[in-house]
Amino acid sequence: MKLKMKMLTYLRFVYGLFILVQMASSCQEEPGAKTDAKPKDTVASCMQVPSRFGSSDTLSGITARKNKNDSGMVLITGGEFEMGADNDQSSEDEYPKHKVRVSPFYMDATEVTNAQFAAFVKSTGYVTTAEKKPNWEELKATLPPGTAKPHDSLLVAASLVFRATDGPVNLRDYNLWWSWKAGANWKHPEGPASSIEKKSNFPVVHVSWDDAIAYCKWAGKRLPTEAEWEFAARGGLQNNVYPWGSEHINSGRPKANSWEGKFPHHNETKDGYFRSAPVKSFAPNGYGLYDMAGNVWEWCSDWYHADYYKTIANTTSTNPKGPAKSFDPDDPYMQKKSMRGGSFLCNDSYCSGYRVARRMKSSPDTGLEHTGFRCVKDVP
């Protein structure tokens, strides 16, 4: 019964099903818990997002472009490093720290931009996850048997958009700052009234893992593994907390686009941005890579498994590609892919995602206003 209540609660939120009976949110505190306790980290705190399309084929009809343009990529020479937890903010899934060796690869210097994604859509006619009406048959397969179908007016093409609160709130109740908004997608990041006009050099958002994979196929590239991403994010530094070293993100000059102040109601915007920022707005790391901390979360190729590091802890892994299957103890019925890097919403009180070791996860067909990606390519 408890599990059923949990799943119905997040279904009510994600698909606007406010007609369901009121029940305690699975993300709110246990009786007697402190309301200021830091929530468990997921891409949207402990928000659980049900799969909309299951195993739908997003690659059908996508072919690699003939005239490949690999400018804007940086050669990462590869090497050996210690992957995983670096400080007392670390989560259980970042342990144990372990040795990893990665081969040379090329990586996009920036997150994929609106202009780049627009070129892909123009070439292929691709339609993103957020632009599609949810498939009820696929959706209900992830829900308790007997769950009633919502009204068709609620099963619409939409995505999750951030909205600041009027004041301090319980950080375990994600409903207060995320809105399921019809018409929100990569072309309309804050909803149908918004646009990406004059934002060609901003990172594309509201892209699912499926969308990112489709772009990669067209571009002749791929998504980075978690190991490649973390190695690249460290920029040649050893055992530091951030891409620039260990100076706290809020110390000194702005080093990344994050939430400064009190989340989710007061952003001091010392870094100059309330939402996402144009790529290359902040200094690159030692490898010449921009925004490896903050701005938008970046999809990786790996399935997410909370205990994966434990399985490779006693050896030096060479080019690990992640676990064979996904497991998230906070949401064991949902298959999830890994994400890295944090976003403009990250704050130490809520989500220290800008740390190079921070792992995050979400279902492959989920897109949000702070989710994007960058690509890598093998060295011949």
Protein backbone atom coordinates (compact mmCIF):
# COMPACT_ATOMS: atom_id res chain seq x y z
CA MET A 1 0.00 0.00 0.00
CA LYS A 2 2.84 2.39 0.86
CA LEU A 3 4.48 1.78 -2.53
CA LYS A 4 1.21 2.37 -4.35
CA MET A 5 0.70 5.69 -2.55
CA LYS A 6 4.23 6.75 -3.44
CA MET A 7 3.82 6.01 -7.13
CA LEU A 8 0.41 7.67 -7.34
CA THR A 9 1.83 10.76 -5.68
CA TYR A 10 4.55 11.33 -8.23
CA LEU A 11 2.22 10.44 -11.07
CA ARG A 12 -0.15 13.15 -9.82
CA PHE A 13 2.68 15.69 -9.94
CA VAL A 14 4.38 14.80 -13.17
CA TYR A 15 1.25 14.53 -15.27
CA GLY A 16 -0.85 17.14 -13.54
CA LEU A 17 -3.23 14.60 -12.03
CA PHE A 18 -4.45 16.80 -9.22
CA ILE A 19 -7.78 14.94 -9.28
CA LEU A 20 -6.18 12.10 -7.32
CA VAL A 21 -6.83 11.95 -3.60
CA GLN A 22 -4.48 13.97 -1.44
CA MET A 23 -1.79 11.85 0.12
CA ALA A 24 1.59 12.36 1.72
CA SER A 25 4.34 12.96 -0.79
CA SER A 26 7.01 10.28 -0.84
CA CYS A 27 9.60 13.04 -0.79
CA GLN A 28 8.38 14.77 2.34
CA GLU A 29 10.04 14.20 5.65
CA GLU A 30 9.33 11.28 7.93
CA PRO A 31 7.44 12.13 11.14
CA GLY A 32 9.79 13.94 13.48
CA ALA A 33 12.38 14.61 10.79
CA LYS A 34 13.99 18.03 10.50
CA THR A 35 12.49 20.08 7.68
CA ASP A 36 15.84 21.68 6.97
CA ALA A 37 17.55 18.32 6.43
CA LYS A 38 19.27 18.02 3.08
CA PRO A 39 17.14 15.95 0.67
CA LYS A 40 18.43 12.92 -1.16
CA ASP A 41 19.92 14.04 -4.45
CA THR A 42 18.33 13.16 -7.77
CA VAL A 43 18.04 15.29 -10.86
CA ALA A 44 15.09 17.08 -9.24
CA SER A 45 15.68 16.24 -5.59
CA CYS A 46 13.76 13.03 -4.88
CA MET A 47 11.34 13.56 -7.74
CA GLN A 48 10.46 10.25 -9.38
CA VAL A 49 9.52 10.61 -13.05
CA PRO A 50 7.66 7.70 -14.65
CA SER A 51 8.66 6.54 -18.12
CA ARG A 52 6.50 7.99 -20.85
CA PHE A 53 7.46 5.94 -23.86
CA GLY A 54 9.13 2.78 -22.58
CA SER A 55 11.40 1.30 -25.23
CA SER A 56 10.27 3.45 -28.16
CA ASP A 57 12.73 3.63 -31.05
CA THR A 58 14.06 7.19 -31.38
CA LEU A 59 16.86 6.29 -33.81
CA SER A 60 14.69 5.10 -36.69
CA GLY A 61 15.41 7.19 -39.76
CA ILE A 62 18.43 8.95 -38.22
CA THR A 63 21.56 8.68 -40.35
CA ALA A 64 24.97 10.25 -39.82
CA ARG A 65 25.42 13.52 -41.66
CA LYS A 66 27.75 13.36 -44.64
CA ASN A 67 29.74 16.51 -43.99
CA LYS A 68 30.85 16.05 -40.40
CA ASN A 69 32.10 19.09 -38.57
CA ASP A 70 34.20 18.14 -35.57
CA SER A 71 35.45 21.63 -34.84
CA GLY A 72 34.91 22.65 -31.26
CA MET A 73 36.14 19.33 -29.87
CA VAL A 74 39.09 18.98 -27.52
CA LEU A 75 41.53 16.07 -27.46
CA ILE A 76 41.60 14.45 -24.03
CA THR A 77 44.81 12.42 -23.98
CA GLY A 78 43.56 9.90 -21.44
CA GLY A 79 45.31 8.44 -18.44
CA GLU A 80 44.71 7.00 -14.99
CA PHE A 81 42.89 8.69 -12.13
CA GLU A 82 41.01 8.05 -8.91
CA MET A 83 37.29 8.19 -9.56
CA GLY A 84 34.72 8.94 -6.90
CA ALA A 85 34.15 10.77 -3.62
CA ASP A 86 36.33 13.76 -2.75
CA ASN A 87 34.83 15.48 0.31
CA ASP A 88 32.23 15.29 3.07
CA GLN A 89 29.42 16.24 0.67
CA SER A 90 29.84 12.93 -1.12
CA SER A 91 26.92 10.54 -1.43
CA GLU A 92 27.00 6.80 -0.83
CA ASP A 93 26.99 6.04 -4.56
CA GLU A 94 30.31 7.91 -4.96
CA TYR A 95 32.12 5.35 -2.78
CA PRO A 96 34.53 3.70 -2.81
CA LYS A 97 37.08 5.82 -4.62
CA HIS A 98 38.72 3.57 -7.19
CA LYS A 99 41.32 3.60 -9.96
CA VAL A 100 40.24 3.99 -13.56
CA ARG A 101 42.19 4.23 -16.80
CA VAL A 102 40.67 5.88 -19.87
CA SER A 103 41.95 5.91 -23.45
CA PRO A 104 42.29 9.14 -25.45
CA PHE A 105 39.07 10.64 -26.81
CA TYR A 106 37.70 13.86 -28.20
CA MET A 107 35.08 15.82 -26.24
CA ASP A 108 32.93 18.81 -27.16
CA ALA A 109 34.40 21.90 -25.53
CA THR A 110 30.88 23.05 -24.68
CA GLU A 111 27.44 21.65 -24.11
CA VAL A 112 25.47 21.13 -27.32
CA THR A 113 23.85 24.47 -28.14
CA ASN A 114 20.43 25.44 -29.44
CA ALA A 115 21.99 26.28 -32.80
CA GLN A 116 23.63 22.87 -33.09
CA PHE A 117 20.49 21.03 -32.07
CA ALA A 118 18.39 23.13 -34.47
CA ALA A 119 20.69 22.06 -37.33
CA PHE A 120 20.08 18.42 -36.35
CA VAL A 121 16.30 18.88 -36.26
CA LYS A 122 16.31 20.71 -39.60
CA SER A 123 18.34 17.93 -41.21
CA THR A 124 16.37 15.00 -39.81
CA GLY A 125 12.91 16.26 -38.86
CA TYR A 126 13.45 14.77 -35.42
CA VAL A 127 10.74 15.28 -32.79
CA THR A 128 11.93 15.33 -29.15
CA THR A 129 10.38 13.48 -26.24
CA ALA A 130 8.93 16.67 -24.77
CA GLU A 131 7.11 17.37 -28.04
CA LYS A 132 5.26 14.04 -27.99
CA LYS A 133 2.02 13.13 -26.26
CA PRO A 134 2.72 10.54 -23.52
CA ASN A 135 1.88 6.95 -24.40
CA TRP A 136 -0.56 5.74 -21.75
CA GLU A 137 0.04 2.05 -22.51
CA GLU A 138 3.76 2.52 -21.84
CA LEU A 139 3.17 4.78 -18.86
CA LYS A 140 0.84 2.44 -17.02
CA ALA A 141 3.35 -0.39 -17.33
CA THR A 142 5.49 1.47 -14.78
CA LEU A 143 2.59 2.01 -12.37
CA PRO A 144 0.69 -0.22 -9.92
CA PRO A 145 -1.85 -2.55 -11.60
CA GLY A 146 -5.29 -1.01 -11.79
CA THR A 147 -4.14 2.61 -11.84
CA ALA A 148 -6.90 4.57 -13.56
CA LYS A 149 -6.15 6.33 -16.82
CA PRO A 150 -6.17 10.13 -16.43
CA HIS A 151 -8.28 12.34 -18.66
CA ASP A 152 -6.83 12.78 -22.15
CA SER A 153 -6.52 16.51 -21.52
CA LEU A 154 -3.78 15.74 -19.00
CA LEU A 155 -1.78 13.42 -21.23
CA VAL A 156 -0.24 16.16 -23.35
CA ALA A 157 3.15 17.04 -24.76
CA ALA A 158 4.90 18.86 -21.92
CA SER A 159 8.05 19.10 -19.86
CA LEU A 160 9.20 20.21 -16.42
CA VAL A 161 9.91 23.90 -15.90
CA PHE A 162 11.46 25.53 -12.84
CA ARG A 163 9.53 28.18 -10.93
CA ALA A 164 11.01 30.05 -7.98
CA THR A 165 9.01 30.01 -4.75
CA ASP A 166 7.91 33.09 -2.83
CA GLY A 167 9.88 32.13 0.24
CA PRO A 168 11.59 29.28 2.12
CA VAL A 169 10.00 25.88 1.59
CA ASN A 170 10.50 22.28 2.59
CA LEU A 171 13.30 21.10 0.29
CA ARG A 172 11.82 17.61 0.24
CA ASP A 173 8.68 18.78 -1.57
CA TYR A 174 9.80 19.24 -5.17
CA ASN A 175 6.20 20.05 -6.22
CA LEU A 176 6.82 23.57 -4.97
CA TRP A 177 9.39 24.52 -7.62
CA TRP A 178 8.75 22.22 -10.58
CA SER A 179 5.82 22.74 -12.94
CA TRP A 180 4.63 20.25 -15.58
CA LYS A 181 4.00 22.74 -18.37
CA ALA A 182 2.26 21.93 -21.66
CA GLY A 183 4.20 23.26 -24.63
CA ALA A 184 7.54 23.41 -22.84
CA ASN A 185 10.33 21.91 -24.96
CA TRP A 186 13.74 22.73 -26.39
CA LYS A 187 12.30 25.53 -28.54
CA HIS A 188 10.23 26.92 -25.66
CA PRO A 189 12.32 26.29 -22.54
CA GLU A 190 10.06 28.15 -20.08
CA GLY A 191 6.77 27.24 -21.76
CA PRO A 192 4.96 28.13 -25.00
CA ALA A 193 5.29 31.89 -24.45
CA SER A 194 9.09 31.63 -24.36
CA SER A 195 11.55 31.05 -27.21
CA ILE A 196 15.21 30.52 -27.99
CA GLU A 197 15.41 33.58 -30.20
CA LYS A 198 18.76 35.27 -29.53
CA LYS A 199 19.81 32.18 -27.55
CA SER A 200 21.59 30.22 -30.26
CA ASN A 201 24.68 29.86 -28.08
CA PHE A 202 22.81 28.65 -24.99
CA PRO A 203 22.83 24.94 -24.15
CA VAL A 204 19.85 23.05 -25.53
CA VAL A 205 17.57 21.81 -22.72
CA HIS A 206 14.47 19.66 -22.29
CA VAL A 207 16.34 16.89 -24.10
CA SER A 208 15.92 13.31 -22.95
CA TRP A 209 18.67 10.69 -23.08
CA ASP A 210 16.87 9.30 -26.14
CA ASP A 211 17.06 12.71 -27.81
CA ALA A 212 20.76 13.02 -27.01
CA ILE A 213 21.50 9.59 -28.48
CA ALA A 214 19.68 10.52 -31.68
CA TYR A 215 21.74 13.70 -32.01
CA CYS A 216 24.94 11.76 -31.41
CA LYS A 217 24.11 9.29 -34.17
CA TRP A 218 23.51 12.13 -36.61
CA ALA A 219 26.69 13.92 -35.55
CA GLY A 220 28.84 10.77 -35.78
CA LYS A 221 29.63 10.99 -32.08
CA ARG A 222 28.46 9.38 -28.84
CA LEU A 223 27.72 10.23 -25.22
CA PRO A 224 30.63 10.03 -22.75
CA THR A 225 30.84 7.29 -20.18
CA GLU A 226 30.76 8.41 -16.56
CA ALA A 227 34.46 7.59 -16.32
CA GLU A 228 35.32 9.69 -19.39
CA TRP A 229 33.16 12.54 -18.16
CA GLU A 230 34.71 12.65 -14.70
CA PHE A 231 38.26 12.29 -16.03
CA ALA A 232 37.65 15.20 -18.41
CA ALA A 233 35.91 17.31 -15.76
CA ARG A 234 38.91 17.06 -13.44
CA GLY A 235 40.99 18.83 -16.08
CA GLY A 236 44.25 17.12 -15.13
CA LEU A 237 43.93 17.89 -11.42
CA GLN A 238 44.19 15.06 -8.91
CA ASN A 239 41.61 14.52 -6.16
CA ASN A 240 40.12 18.00 -6.25
CA VAL A 241 36.48 18.81 -5.58
CA TYR A 242 35.68 21.00 -8.59
CA PRO A 243 36.94 21.36 -12.19
CA TRP A 244 39.02 24.38 -11.10
CA GLY A 245 40.41 22.88 -7.89
CA SER A 246 39.08 22.89 -4.33
CA GLU A 247 38.17 26.54 -3.77
CA HIS A 248 34.47 26.60 -2.87
CA ILE A 249 32.18 27.51 -5.74
CA ASN A 250 30.95 30.64 -3.95
CA SER A 251 34.42 31.91 -3.02
CA GLY A 252 36.29 34.42 -5.15
CA ARG A 253 35.18 35.23 -8.68
CA PRO A 254 32.23 33.37 -10.23
CA LYS A 255 33.45 30.06 -11.62
CA ALA A 256 30.23 28.42 -12.78
CA ASN A 257 26.52 29.03 -13.22
CA SER A 258 24.83 27.82 -10.03
CA TRP A 259 22.20 28.93 -7.51
CA GLU A 260 23.75 31.46 -5.11
CA GLY A 261 21.70 32.30 -2.07
CA LYS A 262 18.71 30.45 -0.62
CA PHE A 263 17.21 27.77 -2.85
CA PRO A 264 14.58 27.87 -4.30
CA HIS A 265 13.35 31.39 -3.52
CA HIS A 266 16.33 33.76 -3.57
CA ASN A 267 19.11 33.66 -6.15
CA GLU A 268 21.72 36.35 -5.61
CA THR A 269 22.85 35.91 -9.27
CA LYS A 270 26.42 36.90 -8.48
CA ASP A 271 27.40 34.80 -11.49
CA GLY A 272 25.13 36.95 -13.67
CA TYR A 273 22.46 34.37 -14.51
CA PHE A 274 19.17 33.27 -13.00
CA ARG A 275 18.63 30.39 -15.43
CA SER A 276 21.03 28.91 -17.97
CA ALA A 277 23.97 30.89 -19.34
CA PRO A 278 25.52 31.03 -22.82
CA VAL A 279 28.25 28.46 -23.25
CA LYS A 280 31.78 29.77 -22.56
CA SER A 281 30.48 32.30 -20.01
CA PHE A 282 33.01 31.06 -17.45
CA ALA A 283 36.66 30.05 -17.59
CA PRO A 284 37.43 26.55 -18.93
CA ASN A 285 39.12 23.83 -16.92
CA GLY A 286 42.65 22.61 -17.51
CA TYR A 287 41.64 20.68 -20.63
CA GLY A 288 39.86 23.64 -22.23
CA LEU A 289 36.36 22.35 -21.44
CA TYR A 290 33.61 24.80 -20.47
CA ASP A 291 30.74 24.35 -18.01
CA MET A 292 31.88 21.04 -16.56
CA ALA A 293 30.27 22.43 -13.40
CA GLY A 294 26.81 23.99 -13.35
CA ASN A 295 24.69 25.42 -16.17
CA VAL A 296 22.87 22.20 -17.20
CA TRP A 297 23.04 18.53 -16.27
CA GLU A 298 24.72 16.38 -18.92
CA TRP A 299 23.65 12.88 -19.95
CA CYS A 300 26.20 10.05 -19.91
CA SER A 301 25.94 6.73 -21.71
CA ASP A 302 25.96 4.53 -18.58
CA TRP A 303 23.06 2.91 -16.85
CA TYR A 304 22.91 4.18 -13.27
CA HIS A 305 23.49 1.68 -10.47
CA ALA A 306 23.91 2.92 -6.90
CA ASP A 307 26.42 0.16 -6.02
CA TYR A 308 28.39 0.06 -9.27
CA TYR A 309 31.60 1.42 -7.76
CA LYS A 310 31.65 -1.39 -5.24
CA THR A 311 31.81 -3.95 -8.06
CA ILE A 312 35.00 -2.46 -9.56
CA ALA A 313 36.68 -1.23 -6.37
CA ASN A 314 39.53 -3.75 -6.13
CA THR A 315 41.02 -3.35 -9.57
CA THR A 316 42.10 -0.70 -12.05
CA SER A 317 39.28 -0.55 -14.58
CA THR A 318 40.11 0.30 -18.17
CA ASN A 319 37.43 2.24 -20.05
CA PRO A 320 34.53 1.08 -17.84
CA LYS A 321 31.17 1.46 -19.54
CA GLY A 322 28.98 1.14 -16.47
CA PRO A 323 26.75 -1.63 -15.16
CA ALA A 324 24.74 -4.01 -17.31
CA LYS A 325 21.50 -2.82 -15.75
CA SER A 326 20.16 0.02 -13.66
CA PHE A 327 19.26 0.10 -9.98
CA ASP A 328 18.22 3.07 -7.89
CA PRO A 329 17.26 2.04 -4.33
CA ASP A 330 15.12 5.17 -4.02
CA ASP A 331 13.11 4.17 -7.10
CA PRO A 332 13.76 0.45 -7.80
CA TYR A 333 11.10 0.05 -10.51
CA MET A 334 12.55 2.60 -12.91
CA GLN A 335 15.50 2.10 -15.26
CA LYS A 336 17.76 5.19 -15.22
CA LYS A 337 20.74 6.67 -17.01
CA SER A 338 23.53 8.65 -15.36
CA MET A 339 23.97 12.40 -15.52
CA ARG A 340 26.86 14.64 -14.49
CA GLY A 341 27.88 18.23 -13.89
CA GLY A 342 25.09 19.96 -12.02
CA SER A 343 22.99 22.87 -13.23
CA PHE A 344 22.01 26.48 -12.64
CA LEU A 345 19.77 25.21 -9.83
CA CYS A 346 22.51 23.51 -7.82
CA ASN A 347 23.21 24.79 -4.33
CA ASP A 348 24.94 23.16 -1.38
CA SER A 349 21.71 23.15 0.62
CA TYR A 350 19.93 21.25 -2.13
CA CYS A 351 22.25 19.65 -4.67
CA SER A 352 26.01 20.04 -4.83
CA GLY A 353 25.96 18.74 -8.38
CA TYR A 354 28.84 20.93 -9.53
CA ARG A 355 31.34 18.63 -7.80
CA VAL A 356 33.24 16.50 -10.33
CA ALA A 357 32.40 13.25 -8.49
CA ARG A 358 28.67 13.91 -8.10
CA ARG A 359 26.49 11.28 -9.76
CA MET A 360 22.89 11.86 -10.78
CA LYS A 361 20.25 9.81 -12.57
CA SER A 362 16.96 9.97 -14.44
CA SER A 363 14.79 7.87 -16.74
CA PRO A 364 15.97 7.93 -20.38
CA ASP A 365 12.84 9.65 -21.67
CA THR A 366 12.88 12.47 -19.11
CA GLY A 367 13.76 16.03 -20.06
CA LEU A 368 13.81 19.11 -17.86
CA GLU A 369 14.64 22.79 -18.13
CA HIS A 370 18.12 22.15 -16.71
CA THR A 371 19.04 19.01 -18.67
CA GLY A 372 21.34 18.93 -21.71
CA PHE A 373 24.41 17.05 -22.95
CA ARG A 374 27.76 17.15 -24.74
CA CYS A 375 29.31 14.57 -27.06
CA VAL A 376 32.57 12.66 -27.33
CA LYS A 377 34.27 10.79 -30.16
CA ASP A 378 36.83 8.02 -30.27
CA VAL A 379 40.36 8.75 -31.40
CA PRO A 380 41.05 6.72 -34.57
